[in-house]
Amino acid sequence: MAPLFGFSGGSLGFGPQRSNSGGFTVAIVAISLAIVLVALIIVVAFSV
């Protein structure tokens, strides 16, 4: 994930500041959780 955040525009200076990479972070976490959830469902479905 480092290159993804390395090239995004950063917030510099005094606060309060919005997070420029917040959307990337939410997307990566959501996709990761979805993959794990689907994998667990497949394992449970085929283990019965």
Protein backbone atom coordinates (compact mmCIF):
# COMPACT_ATOMS: atom_id res chain seq x y z
CA MET A 1 0.00 0.00 0.00
CA ALA A 2 2.97 2.33 0.35
CA PRO A 3 3.18 3.35 -3.34
CA LEU A 4 -0.55 4.11 -3.39
CA PHE A 5 -0.22 6.58 -0.53
CA GLY A 6 3.21 7.83 -1.58
CA PHE A 7 1.93 9.41 -4.78
CA SER A 8 -1.31 10.83 -3.41
CA GLY A 9 -1.32 14.50 -2.56
CA GLY A 10 -0.53 14.99 1.10
CA SER A 11 -1.96 17.50 3.54
CA LEU A 12 0.76 19.84 4.75
CA GLY A 13 0.53 22.73 7.18
CA PHE A 14 -1.62 23.52 10.15
CA GLY A 15 -4.85 21.66 10.91
CA PRO A 16 -7.65 20.92 10.65
CA GLN A 17 -7.02 19.07 7.40
CA ARG A 18 -8.98 16.57 5.39
CA SER A 19 -7.40 13.21 4.65
CA ASN A 20 -6.54 13.07 0.95
CA SER A 21 -6.07 9.29 1.02
CA GLY A 22 -9.18 8.49 3.05
CA GLY A 23 -11.07 7.09 0.08
CA PHE A 24 -8.20 4.76 -0.80
CA THR A 25 -8.04 3.49 2.77
CA VAL A 26 -11.77 2.80 2.98
CA ALA A 27 -11.76 1.04 -0.41
CA ILE A 28 -8.80 -1.20 0.46
CA VAL A 29 -10.28 -2.19 3.83
CA ALA A 30 -13.73 -2.85 2.33
CA ILE A 31 -12.36 -4.96 -0.52
CA SER A 32 -10.14 -6.94 1.86
CA LEU A 33 -13.04 -7.66 4.21
CA ALA A 34 -15.28 -8.67 1.30
CA ILE A 35 -12.67 -11.13 0.00
CA VAL A 36 -12.26 -12.69 3.45
CA LEU A 37 -16.04 -12.91 3.92
CA VAL A 38 -16.59 -14.57 0.53
CA ALA A 39 -13.74 -17.01 1.22
CA LEU A 40 -15.28 -17.96 4.58
CA ILE A 41 -18.70 -18.45 3.01
CA ILE A 42 -17.21 -20.71 0.32
CA VAL A 43 -15.29 -22.76 2.90
CA VAL A 44 -18.36 -23.20 5.09
CA ALA A 45 -20.62 -24.03 2.13
CA PHE A 46 -18.35 -26.75 0.79
CA SER A 47 -17.40 -28.25 4.16
CA VAL A 48 -20.96 -29.40 4.96
